[in-house]
PDB file of N, CA and C in Angstrom:
ATOM      1  N   MET A   1       0.828  -1.177   0.000  1.00  0.00           N
ATOM      2  CA  MET A   1       0.000   0.000   0.000  1.00  0.00           C
ATOM      3  C   MET A   1       0.879   1.249   0.000  1.00  0.00           C
ATOM      4  N   LEU A   2       0.430   2.259  -0.695  1.00  0.00           N
ATOM      5  CA  LEU A   2       1.115   3.540  -0.682  1.00  0.00           C
ATOM      6  C   LEU A   2       0.535   4.398   0.420  1.00  0.00           C
ATOM      7  N   ALA A   3       1.348   5.225   0.989  1.00  0.00           N
ATOM      8  CA  ALA A   3       0.862   6.169   2.004  1.00  0.00           C
ATOM      9  C   ALA A   3       0.041   7.249   1.334  1.00  0.00           C
ATOM     10  N   SER A   4      -0.916   7.783   2.054  1.00  0.00           N
ATOM     11  CA  SER A   4      -1.727   8.886   1.543  1.00  0.00           C
ATOM     12  C   SER A   4      -0.903  10.166   1.576  1.00  0.00           C
ATOM     13  N   TYR A   5      -1.118  11.035   0.594  1.00  0.00           N
ATOM     14  CA  TYR A   5      -0.458  12.333   0.604  1.00  0.00           C
ATOM     15  C   TYR A   5      -1.260  13.315  -0.220  1.00  0.00           C
ATOM     16  N   HIS A   6      -0.977  14.584  -0.026  1.00  0.00           N
ATOM     17  CA  HIS A   6      -1.640  15.644  -0.774  1.00  0.00           C
ATOM     18  C   HIS A   6      -0.623  16.316  -1.679  1.00  0.00           C
ATOM     19  N   ALA A   7      -1.010  16.563  -2.916  1.00  0.00           N
ATOM     20  CA  ALA A   7      -0.164  17.288  -3.858  1.00  0.00           C
ATOM     21  C   ALA A   7      -1.044  18.331  -4.537  1.00  0.00           C
ATOM     22  N   ASN A   8      -0.883  19.569  -4.117  1.00  0.00           N
ATOM     23  CA  ASN A   8      -1.754  20.645  -4.582  1.00  0.00           C
ATOM     24  C   ASN A   8      -3.201  20.273  -4.280  1.00  0.00           C
ATOM     25  N   SER A   9      -4.052  20.244  -5.311  1.00  0.00           N
ATOM     26  CA  SER A   9      -5.450  19.905  -5.066  1.00  0.00           C
ATOM     27  C   SER A   9      -5.712  18.412  -5.254  1.00  0.00           C
ATOM     28  N   PHE A  10      -4.672  17.636  -5.520  1.00  0.00           N
ATOM     29  CA  PHE A  10      -4.844  16.211  -5.728  1.00  0.00           C
ATOM     30  C   PHE A  10      -4.615  15.462  -4.425  1.00  0.00           C
ATOM     31  N   GLU A  11      -5.489  14.528  -4.129  1.00  0.00           N
ATOM     32  CA  GLU A  11      -5.347  13.711  -2.931  1.00  0.00           C
ATOM     33  C   GLU A  11      -5.296  12.263  -3.384  1.00  0.00           C
ATOM     34  N   PHE A  12      -4.248  11.544  -2.997  1.00  0.00           N
ATOM     35  CA  PHE A  12      -4.104  10.159  -3.394  1.00  0.00           C
ATOM     36  C   PHE A  12      -4.146   9.264  -2.163  1.00  0.00           C
ATOM     37  N   LYS A  13      -5.054   8.321  -2.172  1.00  0.00           N
ATOM     38  CA  LYS A  13      -5.153   7.338  -1.103  1.00  0.00           C
ATOM     39  C   LYS A  13      -5.166   5.984  -1.792  1.00  0.00           C
ATOM     40  N   SER A  14      -4.054   5.327  -1.798  1.00  0.00           N
ATOM     41  CA  SER A  14      -3.932   4.110  -2.580  1.00  0.00           C
ATOM     42  C   SER A  14      -4.544   2.901  -1.885  1.00  0.00           C
ATOM     43  N   LYS A  15      -5.256   2.117  -2.691  1.00  0.00           N
ATOM     44  CA  LYS A  15      -5.790   0.843  -2.237  1.00  0.00           C
ATOM     45  C   LYS A  15      -4.813  -0.271  -2.597  1.00  0.00           C
ATOM     46  N   VAL A  16      -4.332  -0.247  -3.822  1.00  0.00           N
ATOM     47  CA  VAL A  16      -3.445  -1.286  -4.328  1.00  0.00           C
ATOM     48  C   VAL A  16      -2.266  -0.602  -5.015  1.00  0.00           C
ATOM     49  N   ASN A  17      -1.121  -1.197  -4.940  1.00  0.00           N
ATOM     50  CA  ASN A  17       0.061  -0.628  -5.565  1.00  0.00           C
ATOM     51  C   ASN A  17       0.499  -1.530  -6.722  1.00  0.00           C
ATOM     52  N   TYR A  18       0.196  -1.100  -7.949  1.00  0.00           N
ATOM     53  CA  TYR A  18       0.616  -1.817  -9.143  1.00  0.00           C
ATOM     54  C   TYR A  18       1.844  -1.160  -9.766  1.00  0.00           C
ATOM     55  N   THR A  19       2.599  -0.396  -8.994  1.00  0.00           N
ATOM     56  CA  THR A  19       3.788   0.275  -9.503  1.00  0.00           C
ATOM     57  C   THR A  19       4.742  -0.741 -10.128  1.00  0.00           C
ATOM     58  N   LEU A  20       5.162  -0.445 -11.358  1.00  0.00           N
ATOM     59  CA  LEU A  20       6.100  -1.266 -12.137  1.00  0.00           C
ATOM     60  C   LEU A  20       5.601  -2.687 -12.389  1.00  0.00           C
ATOM     61  N   SER A  21       4.297  -2.885 -12.373  1.00  0.00           N
ATOM     62  CA  SER A  21       3.726  -4.220 -12.582  1.00  0.00           C
ATOM     63  C   SER A  21       3.533  -4.541 -14.056  1.00  0.00           C
ATOM     64  N   GLU A  22       3.572  -5.809 -14.376  1.00  0.00           N
ATOM     65  CA  GLU A  22       3.294  -6.341 -15.702  1.00  0.00           C
ATOM     66  C   GLU A  22       1.811  -6.722 -15.712  1.00  0.00           C
ATOM     67  N   LEU A  23       0.983  -5.905 -16.377  1.00  0.00           N
ATOM     68  CA  LEU A  23      -0.468  -6.105 -16.361  1.00  0.00           C
ATOM     69  C   LEU A  23      -1.033  -6.298 -17.773  1.00  0.00           C
ATOM     70  N   ARG A  24      -0.233  -6.803 -18.668  1.00  0.00           N
ATOM     71  CA  ARG A  24      -0.652  -6.999 -20.061  1.00  0.00           C
ATOM     72  C   ARG A  24      -1.892  -7.888 -20.137  1.00  0.00           C
ATOM     73  N   GLY A  25      -2.902  -7.388 -20.864  1.00  0.00           N
ATOM     74  CA  GLY A  25      -4.096  -8.174 -21.118  1.00  0.00           C
ATOM     75  C   GLY A  25      -5.021  -8.379 -19.930  1.00  0.00           C
ATOM     76  N   GLN A  26      -4.746  -7.751 -18.802  1.00  0.00           N
ATOM     77  CA  GLN A  26      -5.587  -7.925 -17.611  1.00  0.00           C
ATOM     78  C   GLN A  26      -6.952  -7.257 -17.800  1.00  0.00           C
ATOM     79  N   ASN A  27      -7.966  -7.793 -17.149  1.00  0.00           N
ATOM     80  CA  ASN A  27      -9.316  -7.247 -17.249  1.00  0.00           C
ATOM     81  C   ASN A  27      -9.678  -6.521 -15.957  1.00  0.00           C
ATOM     82  N   PHE A  28      -9.731  -5.184 -16.043  1.00  0.00           N
ATOM     83  CA  PHE A  28     -10.121  -4.336 -14.921  1.00  0.00           C
ATOM     84  C   PHE A  28     -11.448  -3.633 -15.219  1.00  0.00           C
ATOM     85  N   SER A  29     -12.159  -4.076 -16.243  1.00  0.00           N
ATOM     86  CA  SER A  29     -13.372  -3.377 -16.678  1.00  0.00           C
ATOM     87  C   SER A  29     -14.399  -3.290 -15.546  1.00  0.00           C
ATOM     88  N   GLY A  30     -14.962  -2.083 -15.407  1.00  0.00           N
ATOM     89  CA  GLY A  30     -16.001  -1.839 -14.423  1.00  0.00           C
ATOM     90  C   GLY A  30     -15.559  -1.807 -12.975  1.00  0.00           C
ATOM     91  N   GLN A  31     -14.287  -1.987 -12.694  1.00  0.00           N
ATOM     92  CA  GLN A  31     -13.801  -2.026 -11.313  1.00  0.00           C
ATOM     93  C   GLN A  31     -13.551  -0.633 -10.759  1.00  0.00           C
ATOM     94  N   ASP A  32     -13.684  -0.483  -9.451  1.00  0.00           N
ATOM     95  CA  ASP A  32     -13.334   0.772  -8.772  1.00  0.00           C
ATOM     96  C   ASP A  32     -11.883   0.671  -8.338  1.00  0.00           C
ATOM     97  N   LEU A  33     -11.024   1.372  -9.047  1.00  0.00           N
ATOM     98  CA  LEU A  33      -9.580   1.365  -8.790  1.00  0.00           C
ATOM     99  C   LEU A  33      -9.110   2.727  -8.295  1.00  0.00           C
ATOM    100  N   SER A  34     -10.014   3.495  -7.711  1.00  0.00           N
ATOM    101  CA  SER A  34      -9.696   4.838  -7.225  1.00  0.00           C
ATOM    102  C   SER A  34      -8.499   4.800  -6.287  1.00  0.00           C
ATOM    103  N   GLY A  35      -7.589   5.757  -6.474  1.00  0.00           N
ATOM    104  CA  GLY A  35      -6.435   5.893  -5.597  1.00  0.00           C
ATOM    105  C   GLY A  35      -5.338   4.871  -5.797  1.00  0.00           C
ATOM    106  N   THR A  36      -5.426   4.072  -6.840  1.00  0.00           N
ATOM    107  CA  THR A  36      -4.438   3.031  -7.102  1.00  0.00           C
ATOM    108  C   THR A  36      -3.246   3.608  -7.858  1.00  0.00           C
ATOM    109  N   SER A  37      -2.060   3.083  -7.594  1.00  0.00           N
ATOM    110  CA  SER A  37      -0.878   3.492  -8.338  1.00  0.00           C
ATOM    111  C   SER A  37      -0.594   2.497  -9.457  1.00  0.00           C
ATOM    112  N   PHE A  38      -0.488   3.043 -10.681  1.00  0.00           N
ATOM    113  CA  PHE A  38      -0.086   2.270 -11.847  1.00  0.00           C
ATOM    114  C   PHE A  38       1.215   2.849 -12.409  1.00  0.00           C
ATOM    115  N   ALA A  39       1.995   3.513 -11.586  1.00  0.00           N
ATOM    116  CA  ALA A  39       3.229   4.163 -12.029  1.00  0.00           C
ATOM    117  C   ALA A  39       4.174   3.133 -12.661  1.00  0.00           C
ATOM    118  N   GLY A  40       4.562   3.405 -13.895  1.00  0.00           N
ATOM    119  CA  GLY A  40       5.500   2.536 -14.599  1.00  0.00           C
ATOM    120  C   GLY A  40       4.941   1.185 -14.997  1.00  0.00           C
ATOM    121  N   ALA A  41       3.643   0.974 -14.845  1.00  0.00           N
ATOM    122  CA  ALA A  41       3.038  -0.323 -15.166  1.00  0.00           C
ATOM    123  C   ALA A  41       2.864  -0.496 -16.675  1.00  0.00           C
ATOM    124  N   ASP A  42       3.021  -1.720 -17.144  1.00  0.00           N
ATOM    125  CA  ASP A  42       2.828  -2.075 -18.547  1.00  0.00           C
ATOM    126  C   ASP A  42       1.432  -2.678 -18.678  1.00  0.00           C
ATOM    127  N   MET A  43       0.515  -1.920 -19.304  1.00  0.00           N
ATOM    128  CA  MET A  43      -0.883  -2.343 -19.415  1.00  0.00           C
ATOM    129  C   MET A  43      -1.294  -2.515 -20.866  1.00  0.00           C
ATOM    130  N   ARG A  44      -0.414  -3.069 -21.671  1.00  0.00           N
ATOM    131  CA  ARG A  44      -0.727  -3.325 -23.081  1.00  0.00           C
ATOM    132  C   ARG A  44      -1.946  -4.241 -23.188  1.00  0.00           C
ATOM    133  N   ARG A  45      -2.855  -3.841 -24.048  1.00  0.00           N
ATOM    134  CA  ARG A  45      -4.075  -4.602 -24.335  1.00  0.00           C
ATOM    135  C   ARG A  45      -4.927  -4.889 -23.092  1.00  0.00           C
ATOM    136  N   ALA A  46      -4.726  -4.149 -22.021  1.00  0.00           N
ATOM    137  CA  ALA A  46      -5.557  -4.314 -20.816  1.00  0.00           C
ATOM    138  C   ALA A  46      -6.923  -3.683 -21.038  1.00  0.00           C
ATOM    139  N   ASP A  47      -7.919  -4.172 -20.316  1.00  0.00           N
ATOM    140  CA  ASP A  47      -9.288  -3.678 -20.454  1.00  0.00           C
ATOM    141  C   ASP A  47      -9.693  -2.913 -19.198  1.00  0.00           C
ATOM    142  N   PHE A  48      -9.852  -1.592 -19.350  1.00  0.00           N
ATOM    143  CA  PHE A  48     -10.293  -0.723 -18.269  1.00  0.00           C
ATOM    144  C   PHE A  48     -11.644  -0.091 -18.613  1.00  0.00           C
ATOM    145  N   HIS A  49     -12.372  -0.676 -19.549  1.00  0.00           N
ATOM    146  CA  HIS A  49     -13.635  -0.104 -20.005  1.00  0.00           C
ATOM    147  C   HIS A  49     -14.578   0.125 -18.820  1.00  0.00           C
ATOM    148  N   GLY A  50     -15.010   1.386 -18.644  1.00  0.00           N
ATOM    149  CA  GLY A  50     -15.952   1.725 -17.581  1.00  0.00           C
ATOM    150  C   GLY A  50     -15.381   1.686 -16.171  1.00  0.00           C
ATOM    151  N   ALA A  51     -14.078   1.517 -16.033  1.00  0.00           N
ATOM    152  CA  ALA A  51     -13.465   1.465 -14.701  1.00  0.00           C
ATOM    153  C   ALA A  51     -13.399   2.857 -14.070  1.00  0.00           C
ATOM    154  N   ILE A  52     -13.409   2.899 -12.756  1.00  0.00           N
ATOM    155  CA  ILE A  52     -13.270   4.153 -12.014  1.00  0.00           C
ATOM    156  C   ILE A  52     -11.819   4.238 -11.551  1.00  0.00           C
ATOM    157  N   LEU A  53     -11.094   5.210 -12.097  1.00  0.00           N
ATOM    158  CA  LEU A  53      -9.671   5.377 -11.818  1.00  0.00           C
ATOM    159  C   LEU A  53      -9.412   6.770 -11.245  1.00  0.00           C
ATOM    160  N   GLU A  54     -10.343   7.262 -10.444  1.00  0.00           N
ATOM    161  CA  GLU A  54     -10.221   8.603  -9.874  1.00  0.00           C
ATOM    162  C   GLU A  54      -9.035   8.667  -8.917  1.00  0.00           C
ATOM    163  N   GLY A  55      -8.238   9.728  -9.072  1.00  0.00           N
ATOM    164  CA  GLY A  55      -7.105   9.946  -8.177  1.00  0.00           C
ATOM    165  C   GLY A  55      -5.984   8.935  -8.313  1.00  0.00           C
ATOM    166  N   THR A  56      -5.893   8.266  -9.455  1.00  0.00           N
ATOM    167  CA  THR A  56      -4.815   7.284  -9.641  1.00  0.00           C
ATOM    168  C   THR A  56      -3.502   7.971  -9.991  1.00  0.00           C
ATOM    169  N   ILE A  57      -2.423   7.272  -9.773  1.00  0.00           N
ATOM    170  CA  ILE A  57      -1.090   7.743 -10.140  1.00  0.00           C
ATOM    171  C   ILE A  57      -0.661   6.938 -11.365  1.00  0.00           C
ATOM    172  N   LEU A  58      -0.435   7.640 -12.479  1.00  0.00           N
ATOM    173  CA  LEU A  58      -0.137   6.977 -13.744  1.00  0.00           C
ATOM    174  C   LEU A  58       1.233   7.350 -14.304  1.00  0.00           C
ATOM    175  N   THR A  59       2.127   7.855 -13.499  1.00  0.00           N
ATOM    176  CA  THR A  59       3.437   8.286 -13.976  1.00  0.00           C
ATOM    177  C   THR A  59       4.133   7.174 -14.758  1.00  0.00           C
ATOM    178  N   LYS A  60       4.492   7.486 -16.006  1.00  0.00           N
ATOM    179  CA  LYS A  60       5.179   6.567 -16.918  1.00  0.00           C
ATOM    180  C   LYS A  60       4.421   5.261 -17.154  1.00  0.00           C
ATOM    181  N   ALA A  61       3.099   5.300 -17.033  1.00  0.00           N
ATOM    182  CA  ALA A  61       2.280   4.124 -17.337  1.00  0.00           C
ATOM    183  C   ALA A  61       2.208   3.929 -18.847  1.00  0.00           C
ATOM    184  N   TYR A  62       1.995   2.701 -19.275  1.00  0.00           N
ATOM    185  CA  TYR A  62       2.022   2.349 -20.693  1.00  0.00           C
ATOM    186  C   TYR A  62       0.735   1.613 -21.062  1.00  0.00           C
ATOM    187  N   PHE A  63      -0.175   2.321 -21.777  1.00  0.00           N
ATOM    188  CA  PHE A  63      -1.458   1.768 -22.207  1.00  0.00           C
ATOM    189  C   PHE A  63      -1.444   1.579 -23.724  1.00  0.00           C
ATOM    190  N   LEU A  64      -0.714   0.649 -24.261  1.00  0.00           N
ATOM    191  CA  LEU A  64      -0.699   0.405 -25.704  1.00  0.00           C
ATOM    192  C   LEU A  64      -1.860  -0.514 -26.064  1.00  0.00           C
ATOM    193  N   GLN A  65      -2.685  -0.096 -27.016  1.00  0.00           N
ATOM    194  CA  GLN A  65      -3.837  -0.867 -27.489  1.00  0.00           C
ATOM    195  C   GLN A  65      -4.763  -1.279 -26.338  1.00  0.00           C
ATOM    196  N   ALA A  66      -4.874  -0.435 -25.335  1.00  0.00           N
ATOM    197  CA  ALA A  66      -5.741  -0.726 -24.191  1.00  0.00           C
ATOM    198  C   ALA A  66      -7.157  -0.222 -24.456  1.00  0.00           C
ATOM    199  N   ASN A  67      -8.126  -0.851 -23.831  1.00  0.00           N
ATOM    200  CA  ASN A  67      -9.509  -0.401 -23.917  1.00  0.00           C
ATOM    201  C   ASN A  67      -9.815   0.385 -22.648  1.00  0.00           C
ATOM    202  N   ILE A  68      -9.823   1.715 -22.771  1.00  0.00           N
ATOM    203  CA  ILE A  68     -10.131   2.560 -21.618  1.00  0.00           C
ATOM    204  C   ILE A  68     -11.341   3.442 -21.903  1.00  0.00           C
ATOM    205  N   GLY A  69     -12.152   2.998 -22.858  1.00  0.00           N
ATOM    206  CA  GLY A  69     -13.368   3.723 -23.183  1.00  0.00           C
ATOM    207  C   GLY A  69     -14.304   3.802 -21.983  1.00  0.00           C
ATOM    208  N   GLY A  70     -14.802   5.003 -21.714  1.00  0.00           N
ATOM    209  CA  GLY A  70     -15.727   5.192 -20.605  1.00  0.00           C
ATOM    210  C   GLY A  70     -15.096   5.144 -19.235  1.00  0.00           C
ATOM    211  N   ALA A  71     -13.782   5.000 -19.164  1.00  0.00           N
ATOM    212  CA  ALA A  71     -13.101   4.983 -17.867  1.00  0.00           C
ATOM    213  C   ALA A  71     -13.050   6.391 -17.285  1.00  0.00           C
ATOM    214  N   ASN A  72     -13.088   6.486 -15.978  1.00  0.00           N
ATOM    215  CA  ASN A  72     -13.086   7.777 -15.295  1.00  0.00           C
ATOM    216  C   ASN A  72     -11.733   8.009 -14.625  1.00  0.00           C
ATOM    217  N   PHE A  73     -10.934   8.909 -15.211  1.00  0.00           N
ATOM    218  CA  PHE A  73      -9.612   9.261 -14.696  1.00  0.00           C
ATOM    219  C   PHE A  73      -9.637  10.614 -13.986  1.00  0.00           C
ATOM    220  N   ALA A  74     -10.776  11.032 -13.449  1.00  0.00           N
ATOM    221  CA  ALA A  74     -10.874  12.336 -12.778  1.00  0.00           C
ATOM    222  C   ALA A  74      -9.831  12.441 -11.674  1.00  0.00           C
ATOM    223  N   GLN A  75      -9.164  13.575 -11.622  1.00  0.00           N
ATOM    224  CA  GLN A  75      -8.146  13.900 -10.625  1.00  0.00           C
ATOM    225  C   GLN A  75      -6.957  12.937 -10.623  1.00  0.00           C
ATOM    226  N   ALA A  76      -6.702  12.293 -11.747  1.00  0.00           N
ATOM    227  CA  ALA A  76      -5.535  11.417 -11.848  1.00  0.00           C
ATOM    228  C   ALA A  76      -4.275  12.242 -12.076  1.00  0.00           C
ATOM    229  N   PHE A  77      -3.151  11.727 -11.642  1.00  0.00           N
ATOM    230  CA  PHE A  77      -1.847  12.338 -11.889  1.00  0.00           C
ATOM    231  C   PHE A  77      -1.203  11.546 -13.015  1.00  0.00           C
ATOM    232  N   SER A  78      -1.126  12.159 -14.199  1.00  0.00           N
ATOM    233  CA  SER A  78      -0.651  11.476 -15.404  1.00  0.00           C
ATOM    234  C   SER A  78       0.575  12.183 -15.963  1.00  0.00           C
ATOM    235  N   ASP A  79       1.738  11.660 -15.713  1.00  0.00           N
ATOM    236  CA  ASP A  79       2.988  12.256 -16.166  1.00  0.00           C
ATOM    237  C   ASP A  79       3.737  11.248 -17.032  1.00  0.00           C
ATOM    238  N   HIS A  80       4.028  11.635 -18.286  1.00  0.00           N
ATOM    239  CA  HIS A  80       4.718  10.778 -19.245  1.00  0.00           C
ATOM    240  C   HIS A  80       3.965   9.461 -19.466  1.00  0.00           C
ATOM    241  N   VAL A  81       2.682   9.554 -19.741  1.00  0.00           N
ATOM    242  CA  VAL A  81       1.840   8.378 -19.950  1.00  0.00           C
ATOM    243  C   VAL A  81       1.636   8.148 -21.441  1.00  0.00           C
ATOM    244  N   THR A  82       1.669   6.900 -21.852  1.00  0.00           N
ATOM    245  CA  THR A  82       1.461   6.527 -23.244  1.00  0.00           C
ATOM    246  C   THR A  82       0.103   5.846 -23.391  1.00  0.00           C
ATOM    247  N   PHE A  83      -0.739   6.406 -24.271  1.00  0.00           N
ATOM    248  CA  PHE A  83      -2.058   5.851 -24.573  1.00  0.00           C
ATOM    249  C   PHE A  83      -2.119   5.427 -26.042  1.00  0.00           C
ATOM    250  N   ASP A  84      -1.006   5.118 -26.667  1.00  0.00           N
ATOM    251  CA  ASP A  84      -0.947   4.832 -28.100  1.00  0.00           C
ATOM    252  C   ASP A  84      -1.887   3.703 -28.501  1.00  0.00           C
ATOM    253  N   LYS A  85      -2.631   3.967 -29.595  1.00  0.00           N
ATOM    254  CA  LYS A  85      -3.544   3.003 -30.203  1.00  0.00           C
ATOM    255  C   LYS A  85      -4.598   2.487 -29.225  1.00  0.00           C
ATOM    256  N   SER A  86      -4.934   3.269 -28.209  1.00  0.00           N
ATOM    257  CA  SER A  86      -5.934   2.864 -27.218  1.00  0.00           C
ATOM    258  C   SER A  86      -7.293   3.467 -27.528  1.00  0.00           C
ATOM    259  N   ASP A  87      -8.342   2.775 -27.123  1.00  0.00           N
ATOM    260  CA  ASP A  87      -9.705   3.284 -27.273  1.00  0.00           C
ATOM    261  C   ASP A  87     -10.011   4.200 -26.098  1.00  0.00           C
ATOM    262  N   LEU A  88     -10.107   5.500 -26.368  1.00  0.00           N
ATOM    263  CA  LEU A  88     -10.379   6.508 -25.340  1.00  0.00           C
ATOM    264  C   LEU A  88     -11.811   7.044 -25.430  1.00  0.00           C
ATOM    265  N   THR A  89     -12.679   6.368 -26.164  1.00  0.00           N
ATOM    266  CA  THR A  89     -14.040   6.829 -26.350  1.00  0.00           C
ATOM    267  C   THR A  89     -14.738   7.070 -25.013  1.00  0.00           C
ATOM    268  N   ASN A  90     -15.199   8.301 -24.824  1.00  0.00           N
ATOM    269  CA  ASN A  90     -15.915   8.718 -23.607  1.00  0.00           C
ATOM    270  C   ASN A  90     -15.113   8.594 -22.312  1.00  0.00           C
ATOM    271  N   ALA A  91     -13.783   8.501 -22.403  1.00  0.00           N
ATOM    272  CA  ALA A  91     -12.961   8.501 -21.182  1.00  0.00           C
ATOM    273  C   ALA A  91     -13.021   9.894 -20.548  1.00  0.00           C
ATOM    274  N   ILE A  92     -12.989   9.947 -19.240  1.00  0.00           N
ATOM    275  CA  ILE A  92     -13.124  11.204 -18.497  1.00  0.00           C
ATOM    276  C   ILE A  92     -11.791  11.543 -17.837  1.00  0.00           C
ATOM    277  N   PHE A  93     -11.302  12.775 -18.092  1.00  0.00           N
ATOM    278  CA  PHE A  93     -10.052  13.243 -17.503  1.00  0.00           C
ATOM    279  C   PHE A  93     -10.263  14.565 -16.758  1.00  0.00           C
ATOM    280  N   THR A  94     -11.449  14.790 -16.210  1.00  0.00           N
ATOM    281  CA  THR A  94     -11.776  16.032 -15.515  1.00  0.00           C
ATOM    282  C   THR A  94     -10.845  16.258 -14.329  1.00  0.00           C
ATOM    283  N   ASP A  95     -10.280  17.466 -14.238  1.00  0.00           N
ATOM    284  CA  ASP A  95      -9.395  17.865 -13.137  1.00  0.00           C
ATOM    285  C   ASP A  95      -8.166  16.974 -12.984  1.00  0.00           C
ATOM    286  N   SER A  96      -7.765  16.304 -14.056  1.00  0.00           N
ATOM    287  CA  SER A  96      -6.558  15.479 -14.025  1.00  0.00           C
ATOM    288  C   SER A  96      -5.349  16.311 -14.419  1.00  0.00           C
ATOM    289  N   LEU A  97      -4.209  15.957 -13.914  1.00  0.00           N
ATOM    290  CA  LEU A  97      -2.966  16.578 -14.324  1.00  0.00           C
ATOM    291  C   LEU A  97      -2.395  15.727 -15.444  1.00  0.00           C
ATOM    292  N   LEU A  98      -2.382  16.281 -16.669  1.00  0.00           N
ATOM    293  CA  LEU A  98      -1.857  15.573 -17.836  1.00  0.00           C
ATOM    294  C   LEU A  98      -0.585  16.282 -18.289  1.00  0.00           C
ATOM    295  N   ASN A  99       0.541  15.674 -18.038  1.00  0.00           N
ATOM    296  CA  ASN A  99       1.830  16.263 -18.369  1.00  0.00           C
ATOM    297  C   ASN A  99       2.638  15.257 -19.186  1.00  0.00           C
ATOM    298  N   TRP A 100       3.019  15.636 -20.380  1.00  0.00           N
ATOM    299  CA  TRP A 100       3.789  14.774 -21.271  1.00  0.00           C
ATOM    300  C   TRP A 100       3.097  13.434 -21.487  1.00  0.00           C
ATOM    301  N   TYR A 101       2.011  13.455 -22.222  1.00  0.00           N
ATOM    302  CA  TYR A 101       1.257  12.257 -22.528  1.00  0.00           C
ATOM    303  C   TYR A 101       1.292  12.018 -24.024  1.00  0.00           C
ATOM    304  N   TYR A 102       1.052  10.795 -24.443  1.00  0.00           N
ATOM    305  CA  TYR A 102       1.122  10.418 -25.853  1.00  0.00           C
ATOM    306  C   TYR A 102      -0.171   9.699 -26.239  1.00  0.00           C
ATOM    307  N   PHE A 103      -0.814  10.192 -27.330  1.00  0.00           N
ATOM    308  CA  PHE A 103      -2.062   9.622 -27.797  1.00  0.00           C
ATOM    309  C   PHE A 103      -1.941   9.214 -29.266  1.00  0.00           C
ATOM    310  N   LEU A 104      -0.855   8.641 -29.680  1.00  0.00           N
ATOM    311  CA  LEU A 104      -0.620   8.282 -31.061  1.00  0.00           C
ATOM    312  C   LEU A 104      -1.678   7.291 -31.560  1.00  0.00           C
ATOM    313  N   ARG A 105      -2.416   7.680 -32.599  1.00  0.00           N
ATOM    314  CA  ARG A 105      -3.459   6.846 -33.232  1.00  0.00           C
ATOM    315  C   ARG A 105      -4.472   6.306 -32.228  1.00  0.00           C
ATOM    316  N   SER A 106      -4.800   7.086 -31.223  1.00  0.00           N
ATOM    317  CA  SER A 106      -5.805   6.671 -30.241  1.00  0.00           C
ATOM    318  C   SER A 106      -7.155   7.241 -30.602  1.00  0.00           C
TER     319      SER A 106
END
């Protein structure tokens, strides 16, 4: 588990720590993953359709060909994240920090 901390207006309270995890092809669709860290995680072809990812940490996360349509990334911290060739249809990024992200053919 990650410790809770405040960064500006973002509050992160982690439930699960997937930092640097190999999550290729995993199915997280419809799950509440709020406050989870996916920093440096490899999520190629993973399914996050309709998942709640509010307040997640996505630093250097890799979503190649992932299904994140309808996922809620509100208040997520996204630094150097790759979303290449991913389905972002109706994904929500309200109040998220998006810094150095890549959406090639998404």
